[in-house]
Protein backbone atom coordinates (compact mmCIF):
# COMPACT_ATOMS: atom_id res chain seq x y z
CA MET A 1 0.00 0.00 0.00
CA ASN A 2 3.04 2.34 0.52
CA ALA A 3 1.18 4.58 3.00
CA GLY A 4 4.44 5.42 4.75
CA LEU A 5 5.72 7.05 1.59
CA HIS A 6 3.54 10.06 2.46
CA LEU A 7 5.55 10.78 5.64
CA LEU A 8 8.45 13.23 5.86
CA VAL A 9 9.77 13.29 9.43
CA GLY A 10 12.25 15.14 11.58
CA PHE A 11 14.57 13.28 13.96
CA LYS A 12 17.12 13.97 16.67
CA GLY A 13 20.84 13.42 16.53
CA LEU A 14 23.87 13.59 14.28
CA THR A 15 24.05 9.91 13.32
CA PRO A 16 21.55 7.30 12.09
CA ASP A 17 20.89 5.95 15.56
CA GLU A 18 18.53 3.15 16.48
CA GLU A 19 15.54 5.50 16.82
CA LEU A 20 15.91 6.77 13.25
CA LYS A 21 16.47 3.26 11.93
CA SER A 22 13.36 2.00 13.70
CA ILE A 23 11.32 4.92 12.28
CA ILE A 24 12.49 3.99 8.77
CA ARG A 25 11.94 0.27 9.28
CA ASP A 26 8.65 0.35 11.20
CA PHE A 27 6.82 3.15 9.37
CA ARG A 28 8.48 2.86 5.93
CA ILE A 29 8.65 6.63 5.72
CA GLY A 30 9.03 8.59 2.52
CA GLY A 31 11.83 10.79 3.77
CA ILE A 32 13.43 13.00 6.38
CA VAL A 33 13.59 16.74 7.09
CA LEU A 34 16.92 18.10 8.33
CA PHE A 35 17.28 20.71 11.06
CA ARG A 36 20.27 22.41 12.64
CA ARG A 37 20.19 19.77 15.38
CA ASN A 38 21.25 17.21 12.74
CA ILE A 39 24.16 19.17 11.28
CA GLN A 40 27.62 19.65 12.76
CA SER A 41 29.90 19.76 9.71
CA PRO A 42 29.86 18.84 5.99
CA ASP A 43 31.71 15.57 6.64
CA GLN A 44 29.37 14.59 9.46
CA LEU A 45 26.25 15.41 7.44
CA LEU A 46 27.47 13.53 4.38
CA MET A 47 28.19 10.47 6.53
CA LEU A 48 24.78 10.73 8.23
CA LEU A 49 22.96 10.86 4.89
CA GLU A 50 25.04 8.18 3.18
CA GLU A 51 24.55 5.74 6.06
CA THR A 52 20.85 6.58 6.36
CA GLN A 53 20.28 6.13 2.60
CA ALA A 54 22.18 2.83 2.60
CA PHE A 55 19.96 1.59 5.44
CA ALA A 56 16.81 2.77 3.62
CA ARG A 57 17.80 1.06 0.35
CA GLU A 58 18.54 -2.16 2.22
CA THR A 59 15.36 -2.00 4.31
CA LEU A 60 12.82 -0.39 1.95
CA GLY A 61 14.32 -1.06 -1.47
CA ARG A 62 14.37 2.70 -2.21
CA PRO A 63 16.12 5.89 -1.09
CA LEU A 64 14.54 8.48 1.18
CA TRP A 65 13.65 12.00 0.19
CA VAL A 66 15.81 14.51 2.05
CA ALA A 67 14.36 18.00 2.57
CA ILE A 68 15.69 21.07 4.34
CA ASP A 69 14.70 24.71 4.99
CA GLN A 70 17.63 26.52 3.40
CA GLU A 71 16.00 29.88 2.74
CA GLY A 72 18.74 32.21 3.98
CA GLY A 73 18.75 34.87 6.69
CA PRO A 74 16.94 33.70 9.84
CA VAL A 75 15.94 30.33 8.36
CA GLN A 76 18.93 28.34 7.16
CA ARG A 77 20.01 25.05 8.65
CA PHE A 78 23.60 25.15 7.34
CA MET A 79 26.26 27.05 9.27
CA PRO A 80 29.83 27.87 8.16
CA PRO A 81 31.84 26.34 6.53
CA PHE A 82 28.68 26.00 4.42
CA THR A 83 27.69 29.12 2.48
CA ARG A 84 25.99 31.71 4.68
CA LEU A 85 23.00 32.98 2.68
CA PRO A 86 21.42 36.47 2.80
CA SER A 87 17.78 36.76 3.80
CA ALA A 88 15.06 37.01 1.18
CA GLN A 89 14.54 40.61 2.29
CA GLU A 90 18.22 41.38 1.55
CA LEU A 91 18.09 39.57 -1.80
CA ALA A 92 15.06 41.63 -2.85
CA LEU A 93 17.00 44.82 -2.15
CA GLN A 94 19.97 43.56 -4.21
CA GLY A 95 17.83 42.48 -7.16
CA PRO A 96 17.43 39.63 -9.66
CA GLN A 97 21.13 38.91 -10.23
CA ALA A 98 21.68 38.42 -6.49
CA VAL A 99 18.75 35.99 -6.33
CA VAL A 100 20.28 33.92 -9.14
CA GLU A 101 23.80 33.96 -7.69
CA TRP A 102 22.85 33.06 -4.14
CA SER A 103 20.27 30.44 -5.18
CA ALA A 104 22.95 28.75 -7.28
CA LYS A 105 25.32 28.75 -4.29
CA ALA A 106 22.63 27.24 -2.09
CA ALA A 107 21.91 24.56 -4.71
CA ALA A 108 25.62 23.68 -4.90
CA ASP A 109 25.79 23.06 -1.13
CA LEU A 110 22.58 21.01 -1.19
CA ARG A 111 23.66 18.96 -4.18
CA ARG A 112 27.04 18.23 -2.57
CA MET A 113 25.20 16.86 0.47
CA LYS A 114 22.81 14.86 -1.78
CA ILE A 115 19.73 16.73 -0.53
CA GLN A 116 16.95 16.77 -3.15
CA ILE A 117 14.32 19.23 -1.83
CA ASN A 118 14.78 22.78 -0.59
CA LEU A 119 11.74 24.07 1.32
CA ALA A 120 12.15 27.51 -0.28
CA PRO A 121 11.36 30.13 -1.48
CA VAL A 122 8.82 31.93 0.70
CA LEU A 123 6.31 33.65 -1.63
CA ASP A 124 4.19 35.33 1.03
CA VAL A 125 3.41 38.97 0.09
CA MET A 126 3.94 41.29 3.05
CA PRO A 127 1.47 44.03 3.99
CA GLU A 128 2.68 47.50 3.01
CA GLY A 129 4.02 49.77 5.71
CA LYS A 130 3.70 47.28 8.60
CA SER A 131 6.24 45.17 10.45
CA HIS A 132 5.58 41.41 10.19
CA PHE A 133 6.95 38.23 11.77
CA MET A 134 7.74 36.93 8.24
CA GLU A 135 9.35 40.16 7.01
CA ALA A 136 12.98 38.98 6.75
CA ARG A 137 11.87 35.77 5.04
CA SER A 138 9.82 37.55 2.36
CA LEU A 139 10.72 39.11 -0.97
CA GLY A 140 8.56 42.14 -0.26
CA SER A 141 5.11 43.71 -0.43
CA ALA A 142 4.76 44.14 -4.22
CA PRO A 143 3.13 40.98 -5.66
CA GLU A 144 4.73 41.41 -9.09
CA ARG A 145 8.21 41.78 -7.56
CA VAL A 146 7.74 38.77 -5.24
CA ALA A 147 6.51 36.76 -8.24
CA GLN A 148 9.44 37.79 -10.44
CA LEU A 149 12.17 37.13 -7.87
CA GLY A 150 10.47 33.98 -6.57
CA SER A 151 10.27 32.51 -10.06
CA LEU A 152 13.99 33.23 -10.60
CA TRP A 153 14.79 31.54 -7.28
CA ILE A 154 12.75 28.48 -8.28
CA LYS A 155 14.24 28.18 -11.76
CA THR A 156 17.80 28.56 -10.48
CA LEU A 157 17.41 25.86 -7.81
CA GLN A 158 15.78 23.45 -10.27
CA GLU A 159 18.25 24.10 -13.08
CA ASN A 160 20.91 23.11 -10.54
CA GLY A 161 19.23 19.83 -9.61
CA ILE A 162 17.31 20.85 -6.46
CA SER A 163 13.50 20.75 -6.24
CA ALA A 164 12.15 24.11 -5.05
CA THR A 165 9.10 24.53 -2.80
CA ALA A 166 6.74 27.51 -3.10
CA LYS A 167 5.43 28.39 0.38
CA HIS A 168 3.25 29.11 2.34
CA TYR A 169 0.32 28.68 -0.07
CA PRO A 170 -2.04 30.53 -0.38
CA GLY A 171 -0.07 33.21 1.49
CA LEU A 172 0.76 34.17 5.09
CA GLY A 173 1.42 37.84 4.45
CA GLN A 174 -1.81 39.00 6.10
CA ALA A 175 -1.37 36.76 9.17
CA GLU A 176 -1.05 38.55 12.49
CA SER A 177 0.18 35.50 14.40
CA ASP A 178 2.74 32.76 13.78
CA PRO A 179 1.15 29.32 13.05
CA HIS A 180 3.89 27.65 15.10
CA HIS A 181 1.96 28.94 18.11
CA TYR A 182 -1.52 30.04 16.96
CA ALA A 183 -4.05 29.44 14.21
CA PRO A 184 -3.97 32.62 12.07
CA VAL A 185 -7.04 33.80 10.13
CA ILE A 186 -6.46 35.57 6.81
CA ARG A 187 -9.46 37.83 6.18
CA TRP A 188 -9.40 38.70 2.49
CA GLN A 189 -12.19 41.20 1.90
CA ASN A 190 -12.63 40.56 -1.81
CA GLU A 191 -11.35 38.86 -4.95
CA GLN A 192 -8.72 41.55 -5.51
CA ALA A 193 -7.14 40.99 -2.09
CA MET A 194 -7.04 37.23 -2.68
CA GLN A 195 -5.50 37.58 -6.14
CA ARG A 196 -2.84 39.92 -4.75
CA ASP A 197 -1.60 37.14 -2.43
CA LEU A 198 -2.01 34.41 -5.05
CA LYS A 199 0.02 36.20 -7.75
CA PRO A 200 3.47 34.79 -6.77
CA PHE A 201 2.06 31.27 -6.42
CA ARG A 202 0.38 31.49 -9.81
CA GLU A 203 3.72 32.51 -11.34
CA ALA A 204 5.52 29.72 -9.46
CA VAL A 205 3.29 27.19 -11.23
CA LYS A 206 4.14 28.80 -14.57
CA ALA A 207 7.84 28.59 -13.62
CA GLY A 208 7.45 24.82 -13.23
CA VAL A 209 8.01 24.59 -9.47
CA HIS A 210 8.23 20.97 -8.35
CA CYS A 211 6.68 21.38 -4.88
CA PHE A 212 4.26 23.55 -2.93
CA MET A 213 3.91 23.80 0.85
CA THR A 214 0.60 24.71 2.48
CA SER A 215 -0.14 27.25 5.17
CA HIS A 216 -1.94 26.26 8.37
CA ALA A 217 -3.95 29.50 8.39
CA LEU A 218 -7.72 29.71 7.91
CA TYR A 219 -8.97 31.59 4.81
CA PRO A 220 -12.72 32.15 5.26
CA TYR A 221 -13.02 33.80 1.84
CA LEU A 222 -12.14 30.44 0.24
CA ASP A 223 -13.07 27.94 2.95
CA PRO A 224 -14.64 28.96 6.28
CA ASP A 225 -14.32 25.46 7.73
CA TRP A 226 -10.79 24.13 7.20
CA PRO A 227 -7.27 25.59 7.36
CA ALA A 228 -5.45 25.56 4.03
CA THR A 229 -3.47 22.39 4.80
CA LEU A 230 -6.69 20.42 5.28
CA SER A 231 -8.87 22.15 2.68
CA PRO A 232 -9.87 20.40 -0.56
CA LYS A 233 -11.30 23.73 -1.79
CA ILE A 234 -8.01 25.57 -1.36
CA ASN A 235 -5.68 22.82 -2.55
CA LYS A 236 -7.60 20.61 -4.94
CA GLU A 237 -10.04 23.12 -6.45
CA TRP A 238 -7.83 26.22 -6.39
CA LEU A 239 -4.21 25.10 -6.49
CA ARG A 240 -4.59 22.09 -8.75
CA GLN A 241 -7.63 22.96 -10.89
CA GLN A 242 -7.56 26.79 -11.02
CA LEU A 243 -3.80 27.40 -10.89
CA GLY A 244 -2.93 24.16 -12.71
CA PHE A 245 -0.34 22.77 -10.27
CA GLU A 246 0.45 19.11 -11.01
CA GLY A 247 3.45 18.66 -8.72
CA VAL A 248 3.97 17.46 -5.16
CA LEU A 249 2.11 19.17 -2.31
CA LEU A 250 3.62 19.20 1.19
CA SER A 251 1.86 20.10 4.41
CA ASP A 252 3.62 22.48 6.72
CA ASP A 253 4.74 20.77 9.94
CA LEU A 254 1.73 19.05 11.50
CA ASP A 255 3.34 19.28 14.94
CA MET A 256 2.59 23.05 14.88
CA ALA A 257 -0.02 24.20 17.37
CA ALA A 258 -2.22 25.67 14.62
CA VAL A 259 -3.30 22.15 13.64
CA SER A 260 -1.96 19.69 16.24
CA GLU A 261 -3.98 21.29 19.04
CA ARG A 262 -7.20 21.48 17.00
CA TYR A 263 -7.61 18.22 15.06
CA SER A 264 -7.27 14.50 15.66
CA TRP A 265 -4.86 12.46 13.55
CA ASP A 266 -7.83 10.75 11.90
CA ARG A 267 -9.32 14.08 10.79
CA MET A 268 -5.95 15.40 9.62
CA VAL A 269 -5.31 12.29 7.54
CA ARG A 270 -8.75 12.25 5.94
CA GLN A 271 -8.84 15.95 5.12
CA GLY A 272 -5.21 15.98 4.02
CA LEU A 273 -5.71 13.16 1.54
CA LEU A 274 -8.93 14.73 0.23
CA ALA A 275 -6.99 17.99 -0.16
CA SER A 276 -4.40 16.15 -2.33
CA ILE A 277 -1.52 16.44 0.16
CA ASP A 278 1.34 14.19 -0.97
CA PHE A 279 3.79 14.55 1.92
CA PHE A 280 2.69 15.01 5.54
CA LEU A 281 5.45 16.60 7.65
CA LEU A 282 5.97 15.61 11.29
CA CYS A 283 9.16 17.37 12.32
CA GLN A 284 9.43 18.03 16.06
CA ARG A 285 7.78 15.25 18.08
CA SER A 286 8.78 11.72 17.10
CA GLU A 287 6.13 10.24 19.40
CA ASN A 288 3.50 11.52 16.93
CA ILE A 289 4.82 9.45 14.01
CA GLU A 290 3.33 6.15 15.17
CA PRO A 291 -0.29 7.31 15.75
CA PHE A 292 -0.26 9.39 12.56
CA SER A 293 1.13 6.49 10.53
CA ARG A 294 -1.51 4.15 11.94
CA ALA A 295 -4.31 6.61 11.15
CA LEU A 296 -2.96 7.03 7.61
CA SER A 297 -2.74 3.30 6.90
CA ASN A 298 -6.20 2.65 8.36
CA ALA A 299 -7.81 5.49 6.38
CA ILE A 300 -6.40 4.31 3.05
CA ALA A 301 -7.30 0.68 3.74
CA ARG A 302 -10.89 1.38 4.79
CA ASP A 303 -12.12 4.15 2.49
CA PRO A 304 -12.15 3.71 -1.31
CA VAL A 305 -12.23 7.50 -1.82
CA LEU A 306 -9.05 7.91 0.24
CA GLU A 307 -7.47 4.92 -1.50
CA GLU A 308 -8.06 6.67 -4.82
CA ALA A 309 -6.55 9.90 -3.46
CA HIS A 310 -3.56 7.86 -2.26
CA GLN A 311 -3.09 6.32 -5.72
CA GLN A 312 -3.22 9.70 -7.42
CA SER A 313 -0.64 10.96 -4.94
CA LEU A 314 1.68 8.04 -5.66
CA PHE A 315 1.60 9.03 -9.32
CA ARG A 316 2.75 12.57 -8.43
CA ILE A 317 5.50 11.25 -6.14
CA GLU A 318 6.61 8.84 -8.88
CA LYS A 319 6.99 11.83 -11.21
CA LEU A 320 9.22 13.57 -8.65
CA PHE A 321 11.40 10.45 -8.36
CA ARG A 322 11.90 10.53 -12.12
CA ARG A 323 12.81 14.22 -12.04
CA HIS A 324 15.75 13.22 -9.85
CA GLY A 325 16.76 10.29 -12.02
CA ILE A 326 15.51 7.71 -9.52
CA GLU A 327 13.53 4.72 -10.74
CA PRO A 328 10.39 4.88 -8.59
CA PRO A 329 9.72 1.85 -6.40
CA LEU A 330 5.97 2.09 -6.93
CA PRO A 331 3.59 -0.41 -8.50
């Protein structure tokens, strides 16, 4: 059934210890997400990933996806001697050539470490004239400028062998609280306000971005009932049908309070699959992997609608494998 393939998980430690090996073996996960806690030096990281991938190939018959938030500025998991990247805010001030140059440098570091997915760039459009918790991570408050620079960032990463991720769809720029701690509500007043935030994501699809990541915020203008991560209207109807995105859709971290403190695993799994989520991220609390994995397997096994959503997702993941020259291990 390959249900575990939908899981991208965080882990503790600098080596593939017994906990990580048991997570790979028991839950047959799709991949891992790296954080600063996993990285000490280039040699250490390369050894960690080579040993982990060897174990995965032996145990699962396939490699793992490896993803990382290497945005630059306040969110970058690599420290010197890796390249220290400017923030998105700084890149926007420097202009298109700087975006290309620094994105290529980031891709070179990631490729050297054999990491396939960068969870960047942030395409959230900031409000004009206000400070914002996402300000340093954003390319600005002009939708056209964010779209232009974001598309350059995406194309440069992907031309250098790294899958880019447009986030946090459909936009966190109007959020007044951080979804790590609260459940933000984005109150678009009309179609124009919505389209302003969607502009960079629309252009990311045109640029051929491989991955999208959802926001955990609630957008009553599009769906008054479910946050974006769990909303078929926002992801399936808007992102896939209206914007035409055919790639891989990642949830933001499901350990965040915005969703983990509001929904059961069963509800998250059902809504996520209906919303065409391909990879569910569980990054901070390893004790959540087992109950989420069980809920996922049970949902797919018991509901033909969710089984069909699962099969469609496998097709999208298979396509991503092929983009990276990996023969997909899927039926």
